[in-house]
Protein backbone atom coordinates (compact mmCIF):
# COMPACT_ATOMS: atom_id res chain seq x y z
CA MET A 1 108.31 116.08 15.56
CA HIS A 2 107.00 118.92 13.70
CA ARG A 3 109.18 120.10 11.20
CA GLN A 4 107.05 118.16 8.62
CA PHE A 5 104.35 120.56 10.20
CA GLU A 6 103.83 122.95 6.70
CA ALA A 7 102.56 119.91 4.92
CA ASP A 8 100.60 119.08 7.74
CA ALA A 9 98.69 122.32 7.62
CA ARG A 10 97.72 122.63 4.43
CA PHE A 11 96.13 118.82 4.65
CA GLU A 12 94.07 120.12 7.09
CA ALA A 13 93.59 123.91 6.07
CA ASP A 14 90.02 123.15 4.66
CA ALA A 15 89.15 121.08 8.34
CA ARG A 16 89.66 124.36 10.29
CA LYS A 17 87.94 127.48 10.22
CA ASP A 18 88.36 130.89 11.18
CA THR A 19 87.27 131.90 14.36
CA VAL A 20 87.41 134.77 17.09
CA VAL A 21 90.25 136.23 17.24
CA ASP A 22 91.02 137.72 20.76
CA VAL A 23 93.61 140.49 21.56
CA VAL A 24 95.01 140.93 24.66
CA THR A 25 97.12 144.38 25.67
CA HIS A 26 100.90 144.12 27.32
CA THR A 27 102.54 146.94 27.87
CA ALA A 28 105.60 146.38 26.14
CA GLY A 29 103.40 144.79 23.51
CA GLN A 30 100.27 143.32 21.72
CA VAL A 31 99.14 139.67 22.30
CA ASN A 32 97.24 137.97 19.32
CA TYR A 33 94.81 134.60 19.70
CA LYS A 34 94.57 133.43 15.76
CA ASP A 35 93.91 129.78 14.60
CA MET A 36 96.68 127.05 14.21
CA THR A 37 96.31 127.02 10.64
CA GLU A 38 96.20 130.70 10.10
CA LEU A 39 99.37 131.33 12.14
CA TRP A 40 101.81 129.15 10.78
CA GLN A 41 100.10 129.82 7.10
CA SER A 42 100.87 133.37 7.56
CA PHE A 43 103.95 133.61 9.05
CA PRO A 44 106.20 133.64 5.61
CA GLY A 45 103.96 136.46 4.70
CA MET A 46 104.14 138.40 7.92
CA VAL A 47 108.07 138.63 7.96
CA LEU A 48 108.49 139.52 4.23
CA GLU A 49 106.03 142.53 5.36
CA LEU A 50 107.82 143.71 7.85
CA ALA A 51 110.94 143.62 5.79
CA ARG A 52 109.39 145.50 3.42
CA ARG A 53 107.67 147.52 5.86
CA HIS A 54 111.28 148.59 7.26
CA ASP A 55 112.98 148.71 4.40
CA VAL A 56 115.15 145.88 5.46
CA SER A 57 118.94 145.68 4.11
CA ASP A 58 120.23 142.55 5.32
CA VAL A 59 118.97 139.86 6.60
CA ALA A 60 119.97 136.66 8.43
CA GLU A 61 117.46 133.54 8.66
CA LEU A 62 118.55 131.46 11.63
CA GLY A 63 118.81 127.70 11.04
CA GLY A 64 117.63 127.23 7.87
CA GLY A 65 119.68 124.84 6.48
CA ALA A 66 118.35 123.18 3.60
CA ASN A 67 114.78 124.92 3.28
CA PRO A 68 115.99 128.46 3.91
CA GLN A 69 112.75 131.32 3.10
CA VAL A 70 115.54 133.84 2.10
CA GLY A 71 116.41 131.65 -0.50
CA ASP A 72 113.59 132.72 -2.82
CA ALA A 73 114.91 135.19 -4.61
CA ASP A 74 111.02 136.05 -6.42
CA LYS A 75 109.89 137.17 -2.84
CA TRP A 76 113.21 138.37 -1.06
CA GLY A 77 115.53 140.29 -4.13
CA PHE A 78 114.57 143.25 -2.67
CA VAL A 79 116.61 142.80 0.38
CA ASN A 80 120.57 143.86 -0.34
CA HIS A 81 122.24 141.18 2.22
CA ARG A 82 120.72 137.56 2.41
CA VAL A 83 122.51 135.33 4.49
CA VAL A 84 121.51 131.59 6.03
CA ILE A 85 123.41 130.81 9.97
CA ASP A 86 123.27 127.41 10.65
CA ILE A 87 125.16 124.92 12.66
CA SER A 88 125.45 122.63 10.33
CA ALA A 89 127.35 122.66 7.33
CA ASN A 90 125.93 119.49 6.16
CA GLU A 91 122.16 120.84 5.71
CA LEU A 92 124.04 124.09 4.55
CA ALA A 93 124.89 122.01 1.49
CA LYS A 94 121.69 120.66 0.52
CA ALA A 95 120.29 123.94 -0.04
CA THR A 96 119.59 124.24 -3.60
CA SER A 97 119.71 128.76 -3.35
CA ASP A 98 122.27 130.96 -4.14
CA VAL A 99 122.21 133.48 -1.02
CA GLU A 100 125.69 133.82 1.67
CA THR A 101 125.48 130.76 4.13
CA ARG A 102 127.76 130.80 7.64
CA VAL A 103 128.14 127.79 9.39
CA ALA A 104 127.84 128.75 13.49
CA ASP A 105 126.57 127.82 16.69
CA LEU A 106 123.82 129.91 17.67
CA CYS A 107 124.26 129.34 21.30
CA GLN A 108 127.47 130.27 21.76
CA PRO A 109 128.93 133.58 22.05
CA ILE A 110 129.59 135.24 18.83
CA ALA A 111 131.93 137.67 18.36
CA THR A 112 131.49 138.96 14.92
CA GLY A 113 128.81 140.09 12.42
CA HIS A 114 126.95 142.76 15.10
CA ASP A 115 125.25 145.37 14.38
CA SER A 116 124.96 143.40 10.85
CA TYR A 117 121.01 143.38 9.93
CA ASP A 118 117.84 145.22 9.98
CA LEU A 119 116.12 141.47 10.54
CA VAL A 120 117.12 138.47 11.81
CA PHE A 121 113.98 135.29 11.86
CA SER A 122 114.22 131.61 12.38
CA THR A 123 111.03 129.15 11.80
CA LEU A 124 110.83 125.57 13.87
CA LEU A 125 114.82 126.20 15.72
CA CYS A 126 113.84 127.94 19.38
CA GLU A 127 112.41 124.65 20.34
CA HIS A 128 115.94 123.15 19.11
CA LEU A 129 117.87 125.60 21.96
CA SER A 130 120.44 124.29 24.27
CA ASP A 131 120.55 128.15 26.05
CA PRO A 132 118.00 130.50 24.68
CA ARG A 133 119.69 132.74 26.17
CA THR A 134 122.52 132.98 24.39
CA PHE A 135 120.71 132.47 21.39
CA HIS A 136 118.52 136.09 22.11
CA GLU A 137 121.48 137.48 23.11
CA ASN A 138 123.40 136.62 19.46
CA CYS A 139 120.33 137.95 18.31
CA PHE A 140 120.21 141.03 19.48
CA ASN A 141 123.64 141.27 19.09
CA LEU A 142 123.59 140.70 15.58
CA LEU A 143 120.78 143.18 14.80
CA ARG A 144 121.38 147.38 14.31
CA PRO A 145 119.33 149.49 16.88
CA GLY A 146 115.76 149.40 15.62
CA GLY A 147 116.23 145.69 14.02
CA LEU A 148 113.80 142.89 14.22
CA SER A 149 113.64 139.42 15.90
CA ILE A 150 110.86 137.32 14.94
CA HIS A 151 110.42 133.57 15.59
CA PHE A 152 107.58 130.94 15.25
CA PHE A 153 107.92 128.24 17.38
CA PRO A 154 106.04 125.25 19.23
CA THR A 155 105.00 125.77 22.69
CA LEU A 156 104.51 124.28 25.80
CA PHE A 157 102.55 122.89 27.35
CA ALA A 158 100.70 121.68 24.31
CA PHE A 159 100.76 117.65 24.79
CA PRO A 160 102.50 116.63 22.16
CA PHE A 161 105.38 118.69 22.76
CA VAL A 162 105.46 117.63 26.51
CA VAL A 163 105.90 113.84 25.12
CA ASN A 164 108.71 114.96 22.85
CA LYS A 165 110.56 116.83 25.08
CA LEU A 166 110.21 114.12 27.93
CA ILE A 167 111.07 111.05 25.78
CA PRO A 168 114.37 109.77 24.78
CA GLU A 169 114.97 111.03 21.26
CA ARG A 170 116.31 108.02 19.82
CA LEU A 171 112.62 106.82 20.51
CA ALA A 172 110.93 110.06 19.39
CA HIS A 173 112.60 109.47 16.20
CA SER A 174 110.83 106.49 16.47
CA VAL A 175 107.74 107.45 17.17
CA LEU A 176 108.23 110.41 14.18
CA SER A 177 109.71 107.45 11.44
CA LYS A 178 105.76 105.88 11.67
CA ILE A 179 104.05 108.99 11.83
CA HIS A 180 106.08 111.03 8.87
CA ARG A 181 107.79 107.93 6.93
CA GLU A 182 108.00 111.05 4.02
CA ARG A 183 109.54 113.04 6.15
CA ILE A 184 112.28 110.67 7.20
CA GLU A 185 113.33 109.57 4.01
CA HIS A 186 112.88 113.30 2.06
CA GLY A 187 116.48 114.46 3.07
CA SER A 188 116.22 117.72 3.90
CA HIS A 189 113.40 117.37 6.45
CA ASP A 190 115.45 115.90 8.92
CA LYS A 191 114.83 115.03 12.76
CA PHE A 192 116.47 117.38 15.33
CA PRO A 193 116.59 117.12 19.37
CA ALA A 194 114.14 119.26 21.21
CA TYR A 195 114.49 121.25 24.11
CA TYR A 196 111.23 123.72 24.49
CA ARG A 197 113.45 126.09 26.61
CA TRP A 198 111.77 129.28 26.93
CA THR A 199 109.13 128.38 23.84
CA THR A 200 105.64 128.56 25.86
CA GLY A 201 102.88 130.64 24.88
CA PRO A 202 102.37 134.56 25.98
CA THR A 203 102.94 134.57 29.51
CA GLN A 204 103.99 137.02 32.12
CA ARG A 205 107.04 135.13 32.20
CA ALA A 206 107.78 135.07 28.51
CA MET A 207 107.79 138.31 28.36
CA LYS A 208 109.98 139.10 30.87
CA ARG A 209 112.70 137.05 29.84
CA PHE A 210 112.84 138.22 26.29
CA GLU A 211 112.82 142.15 28.07
CA SER A 212 115.53 140.70 29.91
CA ILE A 213 117.80 140.55 27.42
CA GLY A 214 117.54 143.65 26.19
CA PHE A 215 114.18 143.99 23.42
CA GLU A 216 111.15 145.20 23.22
CA VAL A 217 108.03 142.46 22.89
CA MET A 218 106.54 144.23 19.66
CA GLU A 219 103.86 141.73 19.27
CA PHE A 220 103.37 137.74 20.47
CA ARG A 221 101.02 135.91 18.19
CA ALA A 222 99.56 132.01 19.84
CA SER A 223 97.23 129.49 18.63
CA PHE A 224 95.57 126.26 20.27
CA GLY A 225 95.57 122.90 19.18
CA HIS A 226 97.99 121.01 16.85
CA LEU A 227 97.56 117.92 13.92
CA TYR A 228 99.43 115.20 15.46
CA TYR A 229 95.77 113.46 16.13
CA SER A 230 94.87 113.36 12.57
CA ILE A 231 95.58 109.82 12.12
CA ILE A 232 92.85 108.71 14.93
CA PRO A 233 89.58 111.24 14.05
CA PRO A 234 87.80 110.96 16.94
CA LEU A 235 90.87 112.69 19.28
CA ASN A 236 91.56 114.95 16.45
CA ALA A 237 87.53 115.97 16.74
CA ILE A 238 88.49 116.56 20.41
CA GLU A 239 91.52 118.10 19.87
CA ALA A 240 89.40 121.00 17.14
CA ALA A 241 87.00 121.38 19.92
CA LYS A 242 89.17 122.44 22.55
CA SER A 243 91.05 124.57 20.06
CA ARG A 244 88.36 126.64 19.39
CA PHE A 245 87.05 126.79 22.89
CA LEU A 246 90.58 128.29 23.95
CA LEU A 247 90.71 130.46 21.03
CA ARG A 248 87.24 132.09 22.80
CA HIS A 249 88.84 131.80 26.02
CA PRO A 250 92.64 131.95 26.22
CA ALA A 251 94.93 130.33 28.65
CA PRO A 252 98.32 131.62 27.43
CA ALA A 253 100.14 128.35 29.69
CA LEU A 254 97.79 126.47 26.94
CA THR A 255 99.30 127.64 23.17
CA SER A 256 100.31 125.05 20.85
CA TYR A 257 102.88 127.10 18.69
CA ALA A 258 103.46 131.15 19.38
CA THR A 259 105.10 134.16 16.79
CA VAL A 260 107.01 136.32 18.29
CA VAL A 261 108.22 139.90 17.10
CA LEU A 262 111.19 141.41 19.22
CA ARG A 263 112.80 144.92 18.37
CA LYS A 264 116.47 146.20 19.78
CA PRO A 265 115.15 149.81 21.03
CA GLU A 266 117.00 152.67 18.85
CA ARG A 267 119.70 153.95 20.51
CA GLY A 268 119.25 156.38 23.51
CA GLN A 269 115.93 154.55 23.89
């Protein structure tokens, strides 16, 4: 229900103002609560900044499908090797960029390509994973020691995503076609089944899950609120007020979107 998020965020950006950013320290990293639009709009730049800062030579975008960020040579041309990994050959075929592609089910163990990348990342993929543990184990194995695994995803228990998780997929597709008809008609933004496993805010349980793979949690950014009530102004106003309150008084279990930065430890650490 949310691969149209980028267009909606641009539409709503002027209606939302940056508010208080609360910072909570975790033993394995830092948690930052941010404005929802800021969190989304800053994600591509954050990934690029980290890639430059860590002198990334090989990068894999996971689930990039028809719209890979690494396909932008003007921004990603400094990287020697750019790869897009996706389960769907059809989605990869829709892409217009000239990057290497690989068809793979990231929810199944990958036996090749270990220790090949300095950075792997995904955007709005994690909620679609049927086996998140295997996915993150694959991320860990694909990375060289010291490499980064970065992901942006919607989180439970924001109400629209709870509904999307619980209702039948056919009904979810029907609802989406009414809210975002242009997305269904545009072939490069399809609707995929959503499971929302391992996609919560920065709770202690979420931290421990990533650490159980072997990752260090470097940073966990999260936001409150969503744009699904934008066609119902009274509800949208209430949602915006609730989001502003939660930014000042954050509750990790009530986030709506998150970005997590994970690091594979250097050998010997």
